[in-house]
N, C-alpha and C. Protein backbone atom coordinates (compact mmCIF):
# COMPACT_ATOMS: atom_id res chain seq x y z
N MET A 1 110.83 88.84 89.89
CA MET A 1 110.69 89.88 88.79
C MET A 1 109.33 90.20 88.78
N ILE A 2 109.20 91.53 88.32
CA ILE A 2 107.68 92.03 87.93
C ILE A 2 108.06 92.74 86.35
N GLN A 3 107.47 92.62 85.25
CA GLN A 3 107.62 93.63 84.36
C GLN A 3 106.15 94.15 83.91
N ALA A 4 105.94 95.61 83.83
CA ALA A 4 104.97 96.01 83.25
C ALA A 4 105.03 96.18 81.77
N PHE A 5 103.83 96.07 81.13
CA PHE A 5 103.36 96.72 79.72
C PHE A 5 102.13 97.43 79.70
N GLU A 6 102.30 98.30 78.83
CA GLU A 6 101.14 99.51 78.66
C GLU A 6 100.48 99.26 77.42
N PHE A 7 99.29 98.58 77.35
CA PHE A 7 98.61 98.43 76.26
C PHE A 7 97.52 99.13 76.05
N SER A 8 96.91 99.01 74.94
CA SER A 8 95.23 99.23 74.60
C SER A 8 95.26 100.85 74.64
N PRO A 9 93.94 101.10 73.91
CA PRO A 9 93.90 102.65 73.76
C PRO A 9 93.25 103.20 75.09
N PHE A 10 93.46 102.34 76.25
CA PHE A 10 92.97 102.90 77.70
C PHE A 10 94.19 102.78 78.32
N TYR A 11 95.63 102.65 77.70
CA TYR A 11 96.51 102.69 78.64
C TYR A 11 97.00 102.20 79.92
N GLU A 12 96.27 100.78 79.72
CA GLU A 12 96.58 99.77 80.95
C GLU A 12 97.34 99.01 81.29
N ASN A 13 98.13 98.83 82.50
CA ASN A 13 98.96 97.95 82.86
C ASN A 13 99.15 96.95 82.90
N THR A 14 99.48 95.77 82.21
CA THR A 14 99.43 94.31 82.50
C THR A 14 100.68 94.07 82.98
N TYR A 15 101.00 92.86 83.82
CA TYR A 15 102.05 92.74 84.41
C TYR A 15 102.56 91.42 84.22
N VAL A 16 103.49 91.00 84.21
CA VAL A 16 104.41 89.58 84.41
C VAL A 16 105.06 89.57 85.47
N ILE A 17 104.69 88.35 86.49
CA ILE A 17 105.52 88.51 87.56
C ILE A 17 106.23 86.80 87.27
N ALA A 18 107.46 86.57 87.53
CA ALA A 18 108.28 85.56 87.39
C ALA A 18 109.14 85.28 88.65
N ASP A 19 109.23 83.92 88.72
CA ASP A 19 110.19 83.46 89.74
C ASP A 19 111.56 83.02 89.17
N ALA A 20 112.66 82.91 90.17
CA ALA A 20 113.60 82.37 89.70
C ALA A 20 113.89 81.11 88.82
N SER A 21 112.73 80.46 89.26
CA SER A 21 112.68 79.13 88.47
C SER A 21 111.90 79.21 87.54
N GLY A 22 111.40 80.18 86.78
CA GLY A 22 110.98 80.52 85.28
C GLY A 22 109.45 80.48 85.06
N GLU A 23 109.08 80.27 86.34
CA GLU A 23 107.59 80.11 86.42
C GLU A 23 106.95 81.66 86.58
N ALA A 24 105.93 81.64 85.85
CA ALA A 24 105.28 83.18 85.87
C ALA A 24 103.62 83.30 85.74
N VAL A 25 103.07 84.35 85.94
CA VAL A 25 101.83 84.52 85.97
C VAL A 25 101.53 85.71 85.28
N ILE A 26 100.45 85.58 84.73
CA ILE A 26 100.25 87.21 83.82
C ILE A 26 99.12 87.75 84.72
N ILE A 27 99.13 89.09 85.01
CA ILE A 27 97.88 89.59 85.64
C ILE A 27 97.28 90.75 84.68
N ASP A 28 95.83 90.89 84.49
CA ASP A 28 95.47 91.62 83.81
C ASP A 28 96.03 91.86 82.36
N PRO A 29 95.77 91.16 81.41
CA PRO A 29 96.22 91.36 79.81
C PRO A 29 95.50 91.93 79.21
N GLY A 30 95.68 93.28 79.19
CA GLY A 30 94.81 94.19 78.67
C GLY A 30 95.41 94.41 76.92
N CYS A 31 96.18 93.74 76.70
CA CYS A 31 96.59 93.26 75.04
C CYS A 31 95.32 93.59 74.24
N TYR A 32 95.01 94.40 73.09
CA TYR A 32 94.01 94.68 72.37
C TYR A 32 94.37 94.66 70.81
N GLU A 33 95.43 94.82 70.52
CA GLU A 33 96.28 94.85 69.13
C GLU A 33 96.96 93.88 69.22
N GLN A 34 97.01 93.26 68.04
CA GLN A 34 97.69 91.88 67.92
C GLN A 34 99.34 92.14 68.06
N ALA A 35 99.77 93.34 67.75
CA ALA A 35 101.24 93.80 67.96
C ALA A 35 101.28 93.60 69.53
N GLU A 36 100.26 93.96 70.32
CA GLU A 36 100.79 94.00 71.53
C GLU A 36 100.45 92.77 72.07
N LYS A 37 99.95 91.72 71.71
CA LYS A 37 99.87 90.25 72.00
C LYS A 37 101.26 89.63 71.77
N GLN A 38 101.71 90.06 70.74
CA GLN A 38 102.75 89.52 70.13
C GLN A 38 103.90 90.33 71.10
N THR A 39 104.23 91.29 71.54
CA THR A 39 105.03 92.04 72.60
C THR A 39 105.11 91.04 73.77
N LEU A 40 103.86 90.87 74.33
CA LEU A 40 103.78 90.11 75.60
C LEU A 40 104.38 88.58 75.09
N SER A 41 104.03 87.97 74.04
CA SER A 41 104.70 86.69 73.92
C SER A 41 105.79 86.68 73.55
N THR A 42 106.75 87.67 73.01
CA THR A 42 108.06 87.68 72.84
C THR A 42 108.86 87.70 74.27
N PHE A 43 108.06 88.72 75.09
CA PHE A 43 109.04 88.99 76.54
C PHE A 43 108.83 87.59 76.81
N ILE A 44 108.14 86.73 76.89
CA ILE A 44 107.99 85.58 77.72
C ILE A 44 108.73 84.35 76.96
N ALA A 45 108.77 84.53 75.78
CA ALA A 45 109.72 83.33 74.94
C ALA A 45 111.09 83.84 75.25
N ASP A 46 111.53 85.26 75.15
CA ASP A 46 112.75 85.46 75.40
C ASP A 46 113.43 85.47 76.87
N LYS A 47 112.61 85.32 77.90
CA LYS A 47 112.94 85.02 79.10
C LYS A 47 113.01 83.72 79.44
N LYS A 48 112.24 82.90 78.62
CA LYS A 48 111.96 81.42 78.46
C LYS A 48 111.14 81.12 79.82
N LEU A 49 110.09 81.81 80.18
CA LEU A 49 109.08 81.95 81.12
C LEU A 49 108.37 80.68 81.12
N ARG A 50 107.69 80.19 81.93
CA ARG A 50 106.40 79.01 81.89
C ARG A 50 104.95 79.66 82.36
N VAL A 51 104.32 80.12 82.05
CA VAL A 51 102.93 80.87 82.21
C VAL A 51 102.13 80.01 82.82
N THR A 52 101.90 79.81 84.07
CA THR A 52 101.02 78.56 85.06
C THR A 52 99.75 79.39 85.21
N ARG A 53 99.37 80.70 85.54
CA ARG A 53 98.24 81.23 85.83
C ARG A 53 97.99 82.43 84.96
N LEU A 54 96.77 82.67 84.78
CA LEU A 54 96.03 84.10 84.21
C LEU A 54 95.33 84.96 85.34
N LEU A 55 95.68 85.87 85.93
CA LEU A 55 94.98 86.30 87.24
C LEU A 55 94.36 87.87 86.83
N LEU A 56 93.26 87.99 87.28
CA LEU A 56 92.55 89.14 87.19
C LEU A 56 92.45 90.31 88.64
N THR A 57 92.58 91.29 88.34
CA THR A 57 92.49 92.34 89.74
C THR A 57 90.89 92.46 89.60
N HIS A 58 90.38 92.55 88.56
CA HIS A 58 88.95 92.89 88.18
C HIS A 58 88.62 92.91 86.79
N ALA A 59 87.22 93.05 86.36
CA ALA A 59 87.03 92.43 85.09
C ALA A 59 86.67 93.50 83.90
N HIS A 60 86.93 94.82 84.35
CA HIS A 60 86.55 95.79 83.49
C HIS A 60 87.35 95.68 81.90
N LEU A 61 86.50 96.16 81.09
CA LEU A 61 87.02 95.58 79.65
C LEU A 61 88.47 95.70 79.25
N ASP A 62 89.16 96.90 80.09
CA ASP A 62 90.76 97.22 79.42
C ASP A 62 91.51 96.61 80.26
N HIS A 63 91.04 95.62 81.19
CA HIS A 63 92.05 94.94 81.67
C HIS A 63 91.73 93.12 81.13
N VAL A 64 90.76 92.90 80.54
CA VAL A 64 90.32 91.79 80.02
C VAL A 64 90.47 91.36 78.25
N PHE A 65 91.21 92.44 77.65
CA PHE A 65 91.18 92.36 76.15
C PHE A 65 91.71 90.90 75.76
N GLY A 66 92.81 90.74 76.52
CA GLY A 66 93.74 89.59 75.96
C GLY A 66 93.44 88.36 76.61
N CYS A 67 92.09 87.74 77.47
CA CYS A 67 92.22 86.74 78.33
C CYS A 67 92.26 85.51 77.16
N ALA A 68 91.39 85.70 75.79
CA ALA A 68 91.24 84.31 75.43
C ALA A 68 92.57 84.15 74.73
N TYR A 69 93.38 85.18 74.31
CA TYR A 69 94.48 84.95 73.72
C TYR A 69 95.74 84.34 74.83
N VAL A 70 95.58 84.68 76.04
CA VAL A 70 96.64 84.12 76.84
C VAL A 70 96.25 82.98 77.32
N LYS A 71 94.72 82.32 77.34
CA LYS A 71 94.51 81.09 77.66
C LYS A 71 94.83 80.05 76.52
N ARG A 72 94.80 80.84 75.41
CA ARG A 72 94.66 79.71 74.32
C ARG A 72 96.29 79.40 74.21
N THR A 73 97.11 80.53 74.06
CA THR A 73 98.83 80.71 73.91
C THR A 73 99.24 79.66 74.68
N TYR A 74 99.09 80.05 76.15
CA TYR A 74 99.66 78.82 77.23
C TYR A 74 98.83 77.94 78.09
N ASN A 75 97.79 77.68 77.51
CA ASN A 75 97.11 76.39 78.11
C ASN A 75 96.73 76.76 79.78
N VAL A 76 96.37 77.74 80.28
CA VAL A 76 96.11 78.22 81.56
C VAL A 76 94.85 78.45 81.99
N LYS A 77 94.76 78.40 83.51
CA LYS A 77 93.38 78.56 83.74
C LYS A 77 93.16 80.07 84.28
N LEU A 78 92.02 80.78 84.18
CA LEU A 78 91.84 82.24 84.33
C LEU A 78 91.31 82.23 85.75
N TYR A 79 91.47 83.09 86.68
CA TYR A 79 91.02 83.30 87.93
C TYR A 79 90.57 84.61 87.88
N LEU A 80 89.83 84.77 88.66
CA LEU A 80 88.71 85.88 88.81
C LEU A 80 87.95 85.80 90.16
N HIS A 81 87.72 86.90 90.88
CA HIS A 81 86.90 86.98 92.13
C HIS A 81 85.34 86.85 91.77
N GLU A 82 84.48 86.02 92.43
CA GLU A 82 83.13 85.67 91.70
C GLU A 82 82.14 86.78 91.62
N LEU A 83 82.75 88.07 92.34
CA LEU A 83 81.50 88.86 92.28
C LEU A 83 81.86 89.75 91.10
N ASP A 84 83.09 89.75 90.45
CA ASP A 84 82.94 90.40 89.28
C ASP A 84 82.56 89.78 88.03
N GLN A 85 82.40 88.70 88.11
CA GLN A 85 81.58 87.70 87.23
C GLN A 85 80.62 88.45 86.33
N VAL A 86 79.53 89.14 86.91
CA VAL A 86 78.60 90.08 86.22
C VAL A 86 79.22 91.07 85.08
N ILE A 87 80.65 91.62 85.76
CA ILE A 87 81.09 92.70 84.96
C ILE A 87 81.82 91.90 83.69
N PHE A 88 82.25 90.71 83.89
CA PHE A 88 83.03 89.87 83.07
C PHE A 88 81.79 89.50 81.85
N ASN A 89 80.79 88.96 82.13
CA ASN A 89 79.88 88.82 81.36
C ASN A 89 79.36 90.05 80.39
N ASP A 90 79.37 91.16 81.07
CA ASP A 90 78.99 92.11 80.37
C ASP A 90 79.92 92.84 79.31
N VAL A 91 81.27 92.41 79.40
CA VAL A 91 82.28 92.94 78.83
C VAL A 91 82.04 93.01 76.77
N PRO A 92 81.19 92.03 76.50
CA PRO A 92 81.10 92.27 75.02
C PRO A 92 80.26 93.33 74.65
N SER A 93 79.14 93.67 75.50
CA SER A 93 78.16 95.03 75.36
C SER A 93 79.12 96.20 75.57
N ARG A 94 79.89 96.05 76.28
CA ARG A 94 80.38 97.32 76.89
C ARG A 94 81.56 97.68 75.55
N CYS A 95 82.06 96.49 75.43
CA CYS A 95 83.13 96.62 74.01
C CYS A 95 82.19 97.44 72.73
N GLN A 96 81.10 97.03 72.43
CA GLN A 96 80.30 97.60 71.56
C GLN A 96 79.95 99.14 71.83
N LEU A 97 79.80 99.25 73.16
CA LEU A 97 78.99 100.76 73.64
C LEU A 97 80.53 101.45 73.24
N PHE A 98 81.67 101.16 73.46
CA PHE A 98 82.83 101.89 73.08
C PHE A 98 83.32 101.83 71.79
N GLY A 99 82.41 101.28 70.94
CA GLY A 99 82.79 101.25 69.33
C GLY A 99 84.10 100.55 69.06
N LEU A 100 84.26 99.29 70.09
CA LEU A 100 85.65 98.63 69.87
C LEU A 100 85.11 97.26 69.11
N ARG A 101 86.24 96.45 68.54
CA ARG A 101 86.13 95.38 67.97
C ARG A 101 85.38 94.47 69.32
N ALA A 102 84.84 93.47 68.56
CA ALA A 102 84.29 92.19 69.03
C ALA A 102 85.04 91.38 70.07
N PHE A 103 84.75 91.47 71.36
CA PHE A 103 85.41 90.89 72.38
C PHE A 103 85.40 89.21 72.24
N GLU A 104 86.86 88.72 72.26
CA GLU A 104 86.66 87.39 72.04
C GLU A 104 86.72 86.52 73.36
N PRO A 105 85.43 86.06 73.55
CA PRO A 105 85.27 85.14 75.00
C PRO A 105 86.35 84.25 75.66
N ALA A 106 86.37 84.42 76.88
CA ALA A 106 87.26 83.25 77.49
C ALA A 106 85.97 83.17 78.68
N GLU A 107 86.52 81.53 79.40
CA GLU A 107 85.63 81.38 80.27
C GLU A 107 86.89 81.46 81.52
N VAL A 108 85.93 81.84 82.64
CA VAL A 108 86.71 82.20 83.82
C VAL A 108 86.53 80.42 84.62
N ASP A 109 87.71 80.10 85.04
CA ASP A 109 87.76 78.64 85.24
C ASP A 109 87.96 78.71 86.78
N ALA A 110 88.34 79.53 87.80
CA ALA A 110 88.40 79.22 88.99
C ALA A 110 88.23 80.77 89.59
N HIS A 111 87.53 80.71 90.88
CA HIS A 111 87.15 81.81 91.57
C HIS A 111 88.50 82.21 92.79
N LEU A 112 88.91 83.55 92.99
CA LEU A 112 89.71 84.21 93.96
C LEU A 112 88.88 84.70 95.14
N HIS A 113 89.80 84.44 96.27
CA HIS A 113 89.12 84.87 97.57
C HIS A 113 90.20 85.38 98.41
N GLU A 114 89.69 86.24 99.22
CA GLU A 114 90.42 86.74 100.20
C GLU A 114 91.25 85.74 101.00
N GLY A 115 92.39 85.97 100.87
CA GLY A 115 93.37 84.84 101.83
C GLY A 115 93.81 84.04 101.27
N ASP A 116 93.25 83.76 99.73
CA ASP A 116 94.37 82.47 98.94
C ASP A 116 95.98 83.44 98.81
N HIS A 117 96.64 81.96 98.60
CA HIS A 117 97.97 82.18 98.41
C HIS A 117 98.28 81.71 96.99
N ILE A 118 99.09 82.50 96.29
CA ILE A 118 98.82 82.33 94.90
C ILE A 118 100.59 81.81 94.61
N GLN A 119 100.87 80.72 94.36
CA GLN A 119 102.46 80.20 94.29
C GLN A 119 102.95 80.51 92.69
N VAL A 120 104.13 81.20 92.62
CA VAL A 120 104.90 81.32 91.81
C VAL A 120 105.88 80.92 91.60
N GLY A 121 106.55 79.67 91.55
CA GLY A 121 107.56 78.88 91.97
C GLY A 121 107.68 78.98 93.60
N ASN A 122 109.03 79.71 94.10
CA ASN A 122 108.73 79.86 95.13
C ASN A 122 108.39 81.16 95.85
N THR A 123 107.82 82.07 94.70
CA THR A 123 107.17 83.46 95.24
C THR A 123 105.61 83.20 95.80
N THR A 124 105.37 83.86 96.67
CA THR A 124 104.09 83.74 97.08
C THR A 124 103.48 84.98 96.92
N LEU A 125 102.07 85.17 96.10
CA LEU A 125 101.27 86.36 96.39
C LEU A 125 100.01 86.08 97.01
N ASP A 126 99.78 86.95 98.01
CA ASP A 126 98.80 86.77 98.77
C ASP A 126 97.18 87.54 98.42
N VAL A 127 96.00 87.13 98.29
CA VAL A 127 95.28 87.75 97.44
C VAL A 127 94.30 88.76 98.53
N VAL A 128 94.12 89.97 98.36
CA VAL A 128 93.20 90.71 99.13
C VAL A 128 92.03 91.23 98.37
N PHE A 129 91.06 91.14 99.21
CA PHE A 129 89.78 91.84 98.48
C PHE A 129 89.71 93.19 98.96
N VAL A 130 89.53 93.78 97.79
CA VAL A 130 89.41 95.71 97.63
C VAL A 130 88.51 95.88 96.98
N PRO A 131 87.21 95.65 97.39
CA PRO A 131 86.20 96.57 96.24
C PRO A 131 86.18 97.86 96.58
N GLY A 132 84.92 98.48 95.50
CA GLY A 132 85.15 99.67 95.17
C GLY A 132 84.95 100.28 94.01
N HIS A 133 85.81 99.90 93.40
CA HIS A 133 86.06 100.36 91.64
C HIS A 133 85.46 99.40 91.22
N ALA A 134 85.25 98.19 91.58
CA ALA A 134 84.48 97.04 91.14
C ALA A 134 84.13 96.08 92.15
N PRO A 135 83.15 95.39 92.18
CA PRO A 135 82.51 94.89 93.16
C PRO A 135 83.38 93.21 93.76
N GLY A 136 84.32 92.98 92.95
CA GLY A 136 84.66 91.83 93.25
C GLY A 136 86.31 91.76 93.16
N HIS A 137 86.62 93.12 93.01
CA HIS A 137 88.19 93.64 92.95
C HIS A 137 89.16 93.26 94.16
N VAL A 138 90.56 92.50 93.59
CA VAL A 138 91.29 92.03 94.53
C VAL A 138 92.61 92.56 94.24
N ALA A 139 93.75 92.54 94.88
CA ALA A 139 94.93 92.93 94.65
C ALA A 139 95.94 91.67 95.08
N PHE A 140 97.38 92.00 94.69
CA PHE A 140 98.24 90.65 95.07
C PHE A 140 99.25 91.03 95.71
N ILE A 141 99.57 90.58 96.63
CA ILE A 141 100.74 91.31 97.67
C ILE A 141 102.12 90.51 97.58
N ASN A 142 103.17 90.67 97.25
CA ASN A 142 104.29 90.01 97.51
C ASN A 142 105.04 90.41 98.75
N HIS A 143 105.05 90.14 99.74
CA HIS A 143 105.33 90.67 101.05
C HIS A 143 106.83 90.35 101.01
N ALA A 144 107.52 89.27 100.48
CA ALA A 144 109.00 88.85 100.34
C ALA A 144 109.67 90.41 99.37
N ASP A 145 109.21 90.94 98.43
CA ASP A 145 109.53 91.89 97.30
C ASP A 145 109.03 93.03 97.79
N ARG A 146 107.76 92.98 98.64
CA ARG A 146 107.59 94.29 99.39
C ARG A 146 106.79 95.26 98.34
N TYR A 147 105.86 94.49 97.55
CA TYR A 147 105.03 95.48 96.59
C TYR A 147 103.40 94.61 96.47
N ILE A 148 102.47 95.42 95.98
CA ILE A 148 101.17 95.26 95.65
C ILE A 148 100.71 95.65 94.34
N VAL A 149 100.25 94.65 93.55
CA VAL A 149 99.69 95.03 92.38
C VAL A 149 98.19 95.06 92.42
N GLY A 150 98.14 96.34 92.37
CA GLY A 150 96.64 96.93 92.93
C GLY A 150 95.54 97.22 92.10
N GLY A 151 95.71 96.75 90.65
CA GLY A 151 94.41 97.23 89.90
C GLY A 151 94.23 98.78 89.99
N ASP A 152 93.06 98.93 89.78
CA ASP A 152 92.25 100.35 89.64
C ASP A 152 91.87 100.82 91.03
N VAL A 153 92.57 100.33 92.24
CA VAL A 153 92.10 101.02 93.49
C VAL A 153 93.00 102.50 93.87
N LEU A 154 94.15 102.39 93.86
CA LEU A 154 95.17 103.38 94.47
C LEU A 154 95.96 103.88 93.33
N PHE A 155 96.37 105.07 92.60
CA PHE A 155 96.93 105.40 91.93
C PHE A 155 97.99 106.73 92.44
N ARG A 156 99.05 106.92 91.93
CA ARG A 156 99.89 108.21 92.27
C ARG A 156 98.91 109.20 92.09
N GLY A 157 98.56 109.77 93.28
CA GLY A 157 97.90 110.91 93.33
C GLY A 157 96.66 111.05 93.11
N SER A 158 96.08 109.65 92.91
CA SER A 158 94.51 109.60 92.44
C SER A 158 94.01 108.10 93.23
N VAL A 159 92.81 107.77 93.07
CA VAL A 159 92.04 106.69 93.18
C VAL A 159 91.00 106.41 92.10
N GLY A 160 90.82 105.33 92.31
CA GLY A 160 89.94 104.48 91.17
C GLY A 160 88.74 105.11 91.23
N ARG A 161 88.03 105.26 89.78
CA ARG A 161 86.98 106.02 89.34
C ARG A 161 85.80 105.13 89.80
N THR A 162 84.33 105.55 90.48
CA THR A 162 83.59 104.84 91.05
C THR A 162 82.20 105.37 90.26
N ASP A 163 82.37 106.02 89.26
CA ASP A 163 81.13 106.06 88.50
C ASP A 163 80.73 105.38 87.38
N PHE A 164 81.26 103.95 87.67
CA PHE A 164 80.83 102.91 86.58
C PHE A 164 79.42 102.21 87.20
N PRO A 165 78.99 101.35 86.61
CA PRO A 165 78.03 100.28 87.13
C PRO A 165 78.79 99.18 88.20
N TYR A 166 78.00 99.17 89.28
CA TYR A 166 78.44 98.51 90.35
C TYR A 166 79.65 98.87 91.31
N CYS A 167 80.13 100.00 90.99
CA CYS A 167 80.79 100.86 91.59
C CYS A 167 80.39 101.24 93.03
N ASN A 168 81.52 101.41 94.32
CA ASN A 168 80.93 102.09 95.25
C ASN A 168 82.02 102.92 96.15
N HIS A 169 81.71 103.89 95.89
CA HIS A 169 82.71 105.16 96.76
C HIS A 169 83.36 104.70 98.12
N ALA A 170 82.26 104.25 99.08
CA ALA A 170 82.45 104.26 100.27
C ALA A 170 83.42 102.92 100.33
N ASP A 171 83.20 101.87 99.81
CA ASP A 171 83.80 100.55 99.75
C ASP A 171 85.26 100.88 99.07
N LEU A 172 85.58 101.71 98.17
CA LEU A 172 86.86 102.11 97.66
C LEU A 172 87.86 102.79 98.74
N MET A 173 87.11 103.51 99.36
CA MET A 173 87.97 104.26 100.67
C MET A 173 88.25 103.40 101.70
N ASP A 174 87.44 102.34 101.92
CA ASP A 174 87.54 101.41 102.78
C ASP A 174 88.68 100.54 102.53
N SER A 175 88.64 100.15 101.34
CA SER A 175 89.78 99.18 100.53
C SER A 175 91.29 99.92 100.69
N ILE A 176 91.23 101.06 100.38
CA ILE A 176 92.58 101.80 100.34
C ILE A 176 92.99 101.87 102.05
N ARG A 177 92.01 102.26 102.81
CA ARG A 177 92.74 102.59 104.06
C ARG A 177 92.79 101.39 104.92
N THR A 178 92.05 100.31 104.72
CA THR A 178 92.75 99.10 105.23
C THR A 178 93.15 98.02 104.66
N GLN A 179 93.41 98.06 103.48
CA GLN A 179 94.06 97.19 102.69
C GLN A 179 95.56 97.75 102.27
N PHE A 180 95.34 98.86 101.85
CA PHE A 180 96.45 99.29 101.27
C PHE A 180 97.58 100.37 102.32
N TYR A 181 96.92 101.13 103.09
CA TYR A 181 97.66 102.03 103.68
C TYR A 181 98.03 101.38 105.01
N THR A 182 97.69 100.10 105.29
CA THR A 182 97.91 99.40 106.53
C THR A 182 99.38 98.55 106.37
N LEU A 183 99.88 98.56 104.88
CA LEU A 183 101.04 97.96 104.81
C LEU A 183 102.14 98.88 104.96
N PRO A 184 103.46 98.45 104.84
CA PRO A 184 104.62 99.44 105.43
C PRO A 184 104.82 100.58 104.06
N ASP A 185 105.35 101.82 104.79
CA ASP A 185 105.35 102.57 103.79
C ASP A 185 106.42 102.45 102.43
N ASP A 186 107.19 101.74 102.72
CA ASP A 186 108.27 101.31 101.52
C ASP A 186 107.72 100.37 100.59
N TYR A 187 106.44 99.90 100.76
CA TYR A 187 105.86 98.85 99.73
C TYR A 187 105.68 99.84 98.28
N THR A 188 105.89 99.30 97.62
CA THR A 188 105.48 100.05 95.82
C THR A 188 104.01 99.02 95.69
N VAL A 189 103.53 100.22 95.07
CA VAL A 189 102.41 100.13 94.64
C VAL A 189 102.42 99.79 93.10
N TYR A 190 101.73 99.02 92.41
CA TYR A 190 102.15 98.71 90.61
C TYR A 190 100.55 99.05 90.26
N PRO A 191 100.01 100.48 90.19
CA PRO A 191 98.77 100.26 89.54
C PRO A 191 98.24 100.00 87.89
N GLY A 192 96.93 99.83 88.17
CA GLY A 192 96.42 99.10 86.75
C GLY A 192 96.55 100.63 85.71
N HIS A 193 96.81 101.51 85.88
CA HIS A 193 97.31 102.53 84.91
C HIS A 193 98.39 103.34 85.76
N GLY A 194 99.03 104.09 84.76
CA GLY A 194 100.23 105.30 85.14
C GLY A 194 101.35 104.44 85.88
N GLU A 195 101.91 105.40 86.73
CA GLU A 195 103.24 104.92 87.20
C GLU A 195 103.29 104.38 88.38
N PRO A 196 104.28 103.53 88.76
CA PRO A 196 104.29 102.82 90.25
C PRO A 196 104.39 104.17 91.39
N THR A 197 103.83 103.74 92.29
CA THR A 197 104.19 104.95 93.69
C THR A 197 104.22 103.89 94.98
N THR A 198 104.42 104.55 95.96
CA THR A 198 104.63 103.84 97.29
C THR A 198 103.39 104.17 98.36
N ILE A 199 103.31 103.49 98.95
CA ILE A 199 102.40 103.84 100.18
C ILE A 199 102.36 104.70 100.99
N GLY A 200 103.71 105.04 101.29
CA GLY A 200 104.02 106.06 102.06
C GLY A 200 104.03 107.38 101.34
N HIS A 201 104.26 107.45 99.93
CA HIS A 201 104.12 108.52 99.40
C HIS A 201 102.66 108.68 98.96
N GLU A 202 101.48 107.98 98.97
CA GLU A 202 100.16 108.30 98.65
C GLU A 202 99.45 108.56 100.26
N LYS A 203 100.18 108.03 101.41
CA LYS A 203 99.38 108.37 102.82
C LYS A 203 99.87 109.92 102.94
N ARG A 204 100.85 110.38 102.46
CA ARG A 204 101.41 111.55 102.71
C ARG A 204 100.87 112.73 101.57
N THR A 205 100.85 112.28 100.38
CA THR A 205 100.19 113.16 99.45
C THR A 205 99.01 113.13 98.95
N ASN A 206 98.38 111.94 98.64
CA ASN A 206 97.34 111.82 98.06
C ASN A 206 95.99 112.68 98.34
N PRO A 207 95.65 113.61 97.42
CA PRO A 207 94.44 114.57 97.99
C PRO A 207 93.15 113.72 98.04
N PHE A 208 93.10 112.50 97.61
CA PHE A 208 91.64 111.74 97.50
C PHE A 208 91.63 110.82 98.85
N VAL A 209 92.53 110.36 99.42
CA VAL A 209 92.21 109.61 100.73
C VAL A 209 93.30 110.03 101.48
N LYS A 210 93.19 109.96 103.18
CA LYS A 210 93.93 110.35 104.01
C LYS A 210 93.98 109.34 105.02
N PRO A 211 94.84 108.72 105.59
CA PRO A 211 94.89 107.67 106.50
C PRO A 211 93.89 108.32 107.62
N LEU A 212 93.24 107.25 107.81
CA LEU A 212 92.40 107.49 109.50
C LEU A 212 93.24 107.82 110.46
């Protein structure tokens, strides 16, 4: 099961992935308001899920607002690619720049790497390295259920921005072509913002990046 929640003034997608065993992970907790945090917790309680990990695709502020809350509530470790640690460390100043309330700090407990396999009960999420929108951006692929949780790399009809600090447009294009477009066309893409799409739809229609 994969469940999406749209949170914060940035309309960010937070995902809960759960196995039939009841084990679950939370990806990119963008819950900013207290009511949003309660929405997430109510869903988890209603489904009787056991949250075992907190995973980040990348560390831009809209994807990490709820990290401290999730860690505290579920006593789980936070996982992030080490190349995005510099961005995570800068979140408090970015919140100040945007006029947002102070960011509640959270410690990164472990680093993600290309080729890691995250077990959620009997479900496996494969970690792939997809830099460009952020230097340490990763995505999570569930081959059994044929989807990728892609963060802010590929959207329906669009691609991730590369006008932020530490972005690289060439890396973004390469990540899409080598890590996304090499997946079968029927794989669903669950993005960091907006509606899901499929690999095939984007290969055929995305105006920003065509297959090689």
